[in-house]
C-alpha atoms as a PDB file:
ATOM      1  CA  UNK A   1      -0.025   0.337   0.259  1.00  0.00           C
ATOM      2  CA  UNK A   2       0.862   3.603  -0.971  1.00  0.00           C
ATOM      3  CA  UNK A   3       2.159   5.853   2.446  1.00  0.00           C
ATOM      4  CA  UNK A   4      -1.102   7.858   1.422  1.00  0.00           C
ATOM      5  CA  UNK A   5      -2.958   4.563   1.837  1.00  0.00           C
ATOM      6  CA  UNK A   6      -1.461   3.600   5.149  1.00  0.00           C
ATOM      7  CA  UNK A   7      -3.643   5.923   7.159  1.00  0.00           C
ATOM      8  CA  UNK A   8      -6.788   4.161   5.988  1.00  0.00           C
ATOM      9  CA  UNK A   9      -9.370   2.783   8.654  1.00  0.00           C
ATOM     10  CA  UNK A  10     -10.896  -0.316   7.700  1.00  0.00           C
ATOM     11  CA  UNK A  11     -14.385  -0.774   9.988  1.00  0.00           C
ATOM     12  CA  UNK A  12     -15.861  -4.375  10.832  1.00  0.00           C
ATOM     13  CA  UNK A  13     -18.463  -5.115  11.708  1.00  0.00           C
ATOM     14  CA  UNK A  14     -21.177  -7.765  12.610  1.00  0.00           C
ATOM     15  CA  UNK A  15     -21.951 -10.245  15.680  1.00  0.00           C
ATOM     16  CA  UNK A  16     -19.623 -12.454  17.311  1.00  0.00           C
ATOM     17  CA  UNK A  17     -18.783 -15.707  16.028  1.00  0.00           C
ATOM     18  CA  UNK A  18     -18.317 -14.156  12.446  1.00  0.00           C
ATOM     19  CA  UNK A  19     -15.238 -14.122  12.235  1.00  0.00           C
ATOM     20  CA  UNK A  20     -14.306 -10.780  13.630  1.00  0.00           C
ATOM     21  CA  UNK A  21     -11.609 -10.990  15.223  1.00  0.00           C
ATOM     22  CA  UNK A  22      -9.046 -13.328  13.163  1.00  0.00           C
ATOM     23  CA  UNK A  23     -10.681 -11.606  10.459  1.00  0.00           C
ATOM     24  CA  UNK A  24      -9.169  -8.365  11.330  1.00  0.00           C
ATOM     25  CA  UNK A  25      -6.074  -9.141  12.559  1.00  0.00           C
ATOM     26  CA  UNK A  26      -4.947 -11.288   9.569  1.00  0.00           C
ATOM     27  CA  UNK A  27      -5.817  -8.163   7.742  1.00  0.00           C
ATOM     28  CA  UNK A  28      -4.078  -5.637  10.020  1.00  0.00           C
ATOM     29  CA  UNK A  29      -1.286  -8.210   9.951  1.00  0.00           C
ATOM     30  CA  UNK A  30      -1.302  -8.525   6.412  1.00  0.00           C
ATOM     31  CA  UNK A  31      -1.394  -4.669   5.503  1.00  0.00           C
ATOM     32  CA  UNK A  32       0.742  -3.829   7.904  1.00  0.00           C
ATOM     33  CA  UNK A  33      -1.709  -1.928   9.771  1.00  0.00           C
ATOM     34  CA  UNK A  34      -2.750  -1.155  13.532  1.00  0.00           C
ATOM     35  CA  UNK A  35      -5.777  -3.286  14.934  1.00  0.00           C
ATOM     36  CA  UNK A  36      -8.234  -2.621  18.005  1.00  0.00           C
ATOM     37  CA  UNK A  37     -10.623  -5.202  19.362  1.00  0.00           C
ATOM     38  CA  UNK A  38     -13.856  -2.532  20.654  1.00  0.00           C
ATOM     39  CA  UNK A  39     -14.783  -5.422  22.281  1.00  0.00           C
ATOM     40  CA  UNK A  40     -11.998  -6.156  24.460  1.00  0.00           C
ATOM     41  CA  UNK A  41     -12.250  -2.779  25.869  1.00  0.00           C
ATOM     42  CA  UNK A  42     -15.983  -3.341  26.610  1.00  0.00           C
ATOM     43  CA  UNK A  43     -15.147  -6.343  28.568  1.00  0.00           C
ATOM     44  CA  UNK A  44     -11.767  -4.792  30.349  1.00  0.00           C
ATOM     45  CA  UNK A  45     -15.035  -2.337  31.479  1.00  0.00           C
ATOM     46  CA  UNK A  46     -16.873  -5.093  32.654  1.00  0.00           C
ATOM     47  CA  UNK A  47     -14.324  -6.854  34.189  1.00  0.00           C
ATOM     48  CA  UNK A  48     -13.433  -3.762  36.099  1.00  0.00           C
ATOM     49  CA  UNK A  49     -17.412  -3.585  37.033  1.00  0.00           C
ATOM     50  CA  UNK A  50     -17.026  -7.034  38.665  1.00  0.00           C
ATOM     51  CA  UNK A  51     -14.031  -6.232  40.502  1.00  0.00           C
ATOM     52  CA  UNK A  52     -15.004  -3.275  42.419  1.00  0.00           C
ATOM     53  CA  UNK A  53     -18.626  -4.960  43.885  1.00  0.00           C
ATOM     54  CA  UNK A  54     -20.642  -3.083  40.510  1.00  0.00           C
ATOM     55  CA  UNK A  55     -23.724  -4.256  40.336  1.00  0.00           C
ATOM     56  CA  UNK A  56     -23.089  -4.035  36.823  1.00  0.00           C
ATOM     57  CA  UNK A  57     -27.867  -4.598  35.845  1.00  0.00           C
ATOM     58  CA  UNK A  58     -28.357  -1.801  37.487  1.00  0.00           C
ATOM     59  CA  UNK A  59     -27.397   1.517  35.041  1.00  0.00           C
ATOM     60  CA  UNK A  60     -27.243   4.037  37.331  1.00  0.00           C
ATOM     61  CA  UNK A  61     -24.305   2.630  40.091  1.00  0.00           C
ATOM     62  CA  UNK A  62     -22.312   1.328  36.682  1.00  0.00           C
ATOM     63  CA  UNK A  63     -22.868   4.790  34.509  1.00  0.00           C
ATOM     64  CA  UNK A  64     -21.229   6.562  38.027  1.00  0.00           C
ATOM     65  CA  UNK A  65     -18.831   3.929  38.242  1.00  0.00           C
ATOM     66  CA  UNK A  66     -18.000   3.854  34.443  1.00  0.00           C
ATOM     67  CA  UNK A  67     -15.477   7.279  33.873  1.00  0.00           C
ATOM     68  CA  UNK A  68     -13.569   5.244  36.713  1.00  0.00           C
ATOM     69  CA  UNK A  69     -10.664   2.773  35.206  1.00  0.00           C
ATOM     70  CA  UNK A  70      -8.028   3.530  32.845  1.00  0.00           C
ATOM     71  CA  UNK A  71      -7.760   1.728  29.822  1.00  0.00           C
ATOM     72  CA  UNK A  72      -5.147   1.679  27.402  1.00  0.00           C
ATOM     73  CA  UNK A  73      -5.904  -1.194  23.761  1.00  0.00           C
ATOM     74  CA  UNK A  74      -1.906  -2.183  22.814  1.00  0.00           C
ATOM     75  CA  UNK A  75      -2.432  -2.271  18.490  1.00  0.00           C
ATOM     76  CA  UNK A  76      -0.110  -5.201  17.884  1.00  0.00           C
ATOM     77  CA  UNK A  77      -2.316  -7.257  15.307  1.00  0.00           C
ATOM     78  CA  UNK A  78       0.146 -10.057  16.402  1.00  0.00           C
ATOM     79  CA  UNK A  79      -0.007  -9.199  20.044  1.00  0.00           C
ATOM     80  CA  UNK A  80      -3.062  -7.076  21.600  1.00  0.00           C
ATOM     81  CA  UNK A  81      -3.243  -6.453  24.398  1.00  0.00           C
ATOM     82  CA  UNK A  82      -5.544  -5.049  26.910  1.00  0.00           C
ATOM     83  CA  UNK A  83      -4.437  -3.626  30.166  1.00  0.00           C
ATOM     84  CA  UNK A  84      -6.843  -1.620  32.788  1.00  0.00           C
ATOM     85  CA  UNK A  85      -5.536   0.346  35.793  1.00  0.00           C
ATOM     86  CA  UNK A  86      -1.751  -1.143  35.435  1.00  0.00           C
ATOM     87  CA  UNK A  87      -3.354  -4.819  34.735  1.00  0.00           C
ATOM     88  CA  UNK A  88      -3.138  -6.880  31.771  1.00  0.00           C
ATOM     89  CA  UNK A  89      -6.392  -8.871  31.583  1.00  0.00           C
ATOM     90  CA  UNK A  90      -6.626 -10.257  28.196  1.00  0.00           C
ATOM     91  CA  UNK A  91      -7.051 -13.750  29.796  1.00  0.00           C
ATOM     92  CA  UNK A  92      -9.882 -12.708  32.282  1.00  0.00           C
ATOM     93  CA  UNK A  93     -11.766 -10.620  30.574  1.00  0.00           C
ATOM     94  CA  UNK A  94     -12.459 -14.490  28.516  1.00  0.00           C
ATOM     95  CA  UNK A  95     -13.940 -14.833  31.206  1.00  0.00           C
ATOM     96  CA  UNK A  96     -17.289 -17.046  32.031  1.00  0.00           C
ATOM     97  CA  UNK A  97     -18.077 -14.012  34.276  1.00  0.00           C
ATOM     98  CA  UNK A  98     -17.184 -10.938  32.323  1.00  0.00           C
ATOM     99  CA  UNK A  99     -19.229 -13.035  29.180  1.00  0.00           C
ATOM    100  CA  UNK A 100     -22.486 -13.038  31.496  1.00  0.00           C
ATOM    101  CA  UNK A 101     -22.153  -9.384  31.693  1.00  0.00           C
ATOM    102  CA  UNK A 102     -20.639  -7.574  29.246  1.00  0.00           C
ATOM    103  CA  UNK A 103     -24.477  -7.210  27.729  1.00  0.00           C
ATOM    104  CA  UNK A 104     -25.765  -5.000  30.453  1.00  0.00           C
ATOM    105  CA  UNK A 105     -22.713  -3.206  30.820  1.00  0.00           C
ATOM    106  CA  UNK A 106     -22.237  -2.367  27.289  1.00  0.00           C
ATOM    107  CA  UNK A 107     -26.174  -0.664  27.114  1.00  0.00           C
ATOM    108  CA  UNK A 108     -25.046   1.578  29.673  1.00  0.00           C
ATOM    109  CA  UNK A 109     -24.700   5.347  27.388  1.00  0.00           C
ATOM    110  CA  UNK A 110     -22.346   6.234  30.034  1.00  0.00           C
ATOM    111  CA  UNK A 111     -20.587   3.449  29.065  1.00  0.00           C
ATOM    112  CA  UNK A 112     -20.355   3.441  25.185  1.00  0.00           C
ATOM    113  CA  UNK A 113     -19.804   7.297  25.181  1.00  0.00           C
ATOM    114  CA  UNK A 114     -16.368   6.282  27.750  1.00  0.00           C
ATOM    115  CA  UNK A 115     -15.135   3.647  24.982  1.00  0.00           C
ATOM    116  CA  UNK A 116     -15.917   5.839  22.564  1.00  0.00           C
ATOM    117  CA  UNK A 117     -13.397   8.362  23.398  1.00  0.00           C
ATOM    118  CA  UNK A 118     -11.205   5.673  23.996  1.00  0.00           C
ATOM    119  CA  UNK A 119     -11.403   4.007  20.727  1.00  0.00           C
ATOM    120  CA  UNK A 120     -11.581   7.624  18.447  1.00  0.00           C
ATOM    121  CA  UNK A 121      -8.166   8.833  20.777  1.00  0.00           C
ATOM    122  CA  UNK A 122      -6.842   5.388  19.446  1.00  0.00           C
ATOM    123  CA  UNK A 123      -7.873   5.824  15.616  1.00  0.00           C
ATOM    124  CA  UNK A 124      -6.636   8.777  15.670  1.00  0.00           C
ATOM    125  CA  UNK A 125      -4.738   9.376  12.086  1.00  0.00           C
ATOM    126  CA  UNK A 126      -5.556   6.333  10.474  1.00  0.00           C
ATOM    127  CA  UNK A 127      -3.817   2.721   9.743  1.00  0.00           C
ATOM    128  CA  UNK A 128      -6.154   0.328  10.973  1.00  0.00           C
ATOM    129  CA  UNK A 129      -8.332  -2.173  11.574  1.00  0.00           C
ATOM    130  CA  UNK A 130     -10.771  -1.833  14.151  1.00  0.00           C
ATOM    131  CA  UNK A 131     -13.565  -4.109  14.544  1.00  0.00           C
ATOM    132  CA  UNK A 132     -16.754  -4.453  16.769  1.00  0.00           C
ATOM    133  CA  UNK A 133     -20.596  -3.852  16.304  1.00  0.00           C
ATOM    134  CA  UNK A 134     -20.788  -0.121  15.510  1.00  0.00           C
ATOM    135  CA  UNK A 135     -17.893   1.090  14.253  1.00  0.00           C
ATOM    136  CA  UNK A 136     -19.150   1.772  10.859  1.00  0.00           C
ATOM    137  CA  UNK A 137     -22.064   2.986  12.362  1.00  0.00           C
ATOM    138  CA  UNK A 138     -21.036   5.529  15.234  1.00  0.00           C
ATOM    139  CA  UNK A 139     -17.533   5.413  16.290  1.00  0.00           C
ATOM    140  CA  UNK A 140     -15.415   6.106  12.724  1.00  0.00           C
ATOM    141  CA  UNK A 141     -18.431   5.938  10.177  1.00  0.00           C
ATOM    142  CA  UNK A 142     -16.260   8.153   7.441  1.00  0.00           C
ATOM    143  CA  UNK A 143     -13.940   4.642   7.320  1.00  0.00           C
ATOM    144  CA  UNK A 144     -12.934   4.163   3.764  1.00  0.00           C
ATOM    145  CA  UNK A 145     -13.531   0.260   4.384  1.00  0.00           C
ATOM    146  CA  UNK A 146     -16.336  -0.614   6.228  1.00  0.00           C
ATOM    147  CA  UNK A 147     -17.000  -4.513   5.839  1.00  0.00           C
ATOM    148  CA  UNK A 148     -19.996  -6.253   7.874  1.00  0.00           C
ATOM    149  CA  UNK A 149     -19.088 -10.211   8.705  1.00  0.00           C
ATOM    150  CA  UNK A 150     -22.612 -13.023   9.067  1.00  0.00           C
ATOM    151  CA  UNK A 151     -21.837 -16.538   9.598  1.00  0.00           C
ATOM    152  CA  UNK A 152     -24.968 -19.358   9.886  1.00  0.00           C
ATOM    153  CA  UNK A 153     -25.320 -19.661  13.821  1.00  0.00           C
ATOM    154  CA  UNK A 154     -24.766 -22.485  14.219  1.00  0.00           C
ATOM    155  CA  UNK A 155     -21.228 -22.097  11.832  1.00  0.00           C
ATOM    156  CA  UNK A 156     -20.558 -19.180  14.493  1.00  0.00           C
ATOM    157  CA  UNK A 157     -21.540 -21.574  17.402  1.00  0.00           C
ATOM    158  CA  UNK A 158     -18.370 -24.279  16.682  1.00  0.00           C
ATOM    159  CA  UNK A 159     -16.317 -21.593  15.880  1.00  0.00           C
ATOM    160  CA  UNK A 160     -17.217 -20.116  19.090  1.00  0.00           C
ATOM    161  CA  UNK A 161     -17.045 -22.872  20.778  1.00  0.00           C
ATOM    162  CA  UNK A 162     -13.627 -24.403  19.518  1.00  0.00           C
ATOM    163  CA  UNK A 163     -12.207 -20.897  21.057  1.00  0.00           C
ATOM    164  CA  UNK A 164     -13.764 -22.082  24.342  1.00  0.00           C
ATOM    165  CA  UNK A 165     -12.076 -25.475  24.565  1.00  0.00           C
ATOM    166  CA  UNK A 166     -14.701 -27.518  23.420  1.00  0.00           C
ATOM    167  CA  UNK A 167     -17.813 -25.934  25.376  1.00  0.00           C
ATOM    168  CA  UNK A 168     -21.259 -27.289  24.518  1.00  0.00           C
ATOM    169  CA  UNK A 169     -22.434 -26.250  21.255  1.00  0.00           C
ATOM    170  CA  UNK A 170     -26.146 -26.095  21.924  1.00  0.00           C
ATOM    171  CA  UNK A 171     -25.412 -24.054  24.921  1.00  0.00           C
ATOM    172  CA  UNK A 172     -23.075 -21.329  22.149  1.00  0.00           C
ATOM    173  CA  UNK A 173     -25.373 -21.254  19.414  1.00  0.00           C
ATOM    174  CA  UNK A 174     -28.245 -20.264  22.435  1.00  0.00           C
ATOM    175  CA  UNK A 175     -26.436 -17.911  24.135  1.00  0.00           C
ATOM    176  CA  UNK A 176     -24.454 -16.030  20.790  1.00  0.00           C
ATOM    177  CA  UNK A 177     -28.203 -15.531  19.306  1.00  0.00           C
ATOM    178  CA  UNK A 178     -29.415 -13.951  22.648  1.00  0.00           C
ATOM    179  CA  UNK A 179     -26.922 -12.067  22.389  1.00  0.00           C
ATOM    180  CA  UNK A 180     -27.780 -10.609  19.319  1.00  0.00           C
ATOM    181  CA  UNK A 181     -31.159  -9.748  19.885  1.00  0.00           C
ATOM    182  CA  UNK A 182     -29.743  -7.839  23.460  1.00  0.00           C
ATOM    183  CA  UNK A 183     -27.389  -5.864  20.438  1.00  0.00           C
ATOM    184  CA  UNK A 184     -29.429  -5.640  18.242  1.00  0.00           C
ATOM    185  CA  UNK A 185     -32.229  -4.232  20.129  1.00  0.00           C
ATOM    186  CA  UNK A 186     -31.038  -1.518  22.683  1.00  0.00           C
ATOM    187  CA  UNK A 187     -30.989   2.133  22.269  1.00  0.00           C
ATOM    188  CA  UNK A 188     -27.305   3.416  21.817  1.00  0.00           C
ATOM    189  CA  UNK A 189     -25.454   1.946  18.935  1.00  0.00           C
ATOM    190  CA  UNK A 190     -27.043  -0.819  17.903  1.00  0.00           C
ATOM    191  CA  UNK A 191     -26.010  -3.777  16.446  1.00  0.00           C
ATOM    192  CA  UNK A 192     -26.455  -2.844  12.528  1.00  0.00           C
ATOM    193  CA  UNK A 193     -25.106  -3.364   9.162  1.00  0.00           C
ATOM    194  CA  UNK A 194     -23.482   0.194   8.275  1.00  0.00           C
ATOM    195  CA  UNK A 195     -24.628   2.166   5.310  1.00  0.00           C
ATOM    196  CA  UNK A 196     -22.195   1.376   2.196  1.00  0.00           C
ATOM    197  CA  UNK A 197     -20.735  -1.570   4.379  1.00  0.00           C
ATOM    198  CA  UNK A 198     -19.860  -4.467   2.567  1.00  0.00           C
ATOM    199  CA  UNK A 199     -21.580  -7.580   3.641  1.00  0.00           C
ATOM    200  CA  UNK A 200     -19.368 -11.193   3.689  1.00  0.00           C
ATOM    201  CA  UNK A 201     -21.295 -14.161   5.481  1.00  0.00           C
ATOM    202  CA  UNK A 202     -18.310 -16.562   6.404  1.00  0.00           C
ATOM    203  CA  UNK A 203     -20.466 -19.687   6.383  1.00  0.00           C
ATOM    204  CA  UNK A 204     -18.745 -21.291   3.730  1.00  0.00           C
ATOM    205  CA  UNK A 205     -15.120 -19.649   3.645  1.00  0.00           C
ATOM    206  CA  UNK A 206     -11.792 -19.994   5.054  1.00  0.00           C
ATOM    207  CA  UNK A 207      -9.980 -17.585   7.802  1.00  0.00           C
ATOM    208  CA  UNK A 208      -7.378 -17.115   5.615  1.00  0.00           C
ATOM    209  CA  UNK A 209     -10.384 -16.728   1.998  1.00  0.00           C
ATOM    210  CA  UNK A 210     -12.160 -14.241   3.885  1.00  0.00           C
ATOM    211  CA  UNK A 211      -8.663 -12.199   5.090  1.00  0.00           C
ATOM    212  CA  UNK A 212      -8.096 -12.305   1.468  1.00  0.00           C
ATOM    213  CA  UNK A 213     -10.982 -10.442   0.449  1.00  0.00           C
ATOM    214  CA  UNK A 214     -10.727  -7.888   3.202  1.00  0.00           C
ATOM    215  CA  UNK A 215      -6.697  -7.661   1.528  1.00  0.00           C
ATOM    216  CA  UNK A 216      -7.882  -7.357  -2.383  1.00  0.00           C
ATOM    217  CA  UNK A 217     -10.755  -4.469  -1.649  1.00  0.00           C
ATOM    218  CA  UNK A 218      -8.513  -2.508   1.088  1.00  0.00           C
ATOM    219  CA  UNK A 219      -6.182  -2.532  -1.773  1.00  0.00           C
ATOM    220  CA  UNK A 220      -8.492  -1.708  -3.991  1.00  0.00           C
ATOM    221  CA  UNK A 221     -10.190   1.170  -2.036  1.00  0.00           C
ATOM    222  CA  UNK A 222      -5.721   2.294  -1.341  1.00  0.00           C
ATOM    223  CA  UNK A 223      -4.868   2.349  -5.035  1.00  0.00           C
ATOM    224  CA  UNK A 224      -7.586   4.581  -6.022  1.00  0.00           C
ATOM    225  CA  UNK A 225      -6.397   7.060  -2.399  1.00  0.00           C
END
């Protein structure tokens, strides 16, 4: 990519299990760009709330505490990091406790506002692949490349169960669909396909094939700049 094209912002949205993380990291690595996992930021906020005894189902309590944690996201696609108040929480935020509490925390407008500010600061002058659920619609609607990944629910569940070390696929699918309903129905920044986004159903593609599609799309846009 040209030096000008390296300032590109690639927004990758979609539901859990659609392949956002692996695709975004692989694309960033191939293009020599930075990478930001906004979902990890919401999980980090949720982890902090649980650690500090905040009732995650009490929106007022979550709102009051949303400005307190210091959350720092590393942007190396080969080794992304997430640190809260100086503590590496990359493993802790993937536990069952955080997974079960992240939806109500993410739905609180004060949390989304706080993290939106942090996300935009990281994106800065570009040169980054950003994944989440509202990147192309809310966080960075001016992104040069917008992609919306989806997959068959069964495929999404199988992938997520594999990531979690062999979890029950049926239970995982039920959990993913419940998360979809919450994310799509929330009042603030709901999960939706951004205007102008390229829709890719990843069900029948390998990871390398999906990454290849994003790289080709991004290079085409970069070459035109």
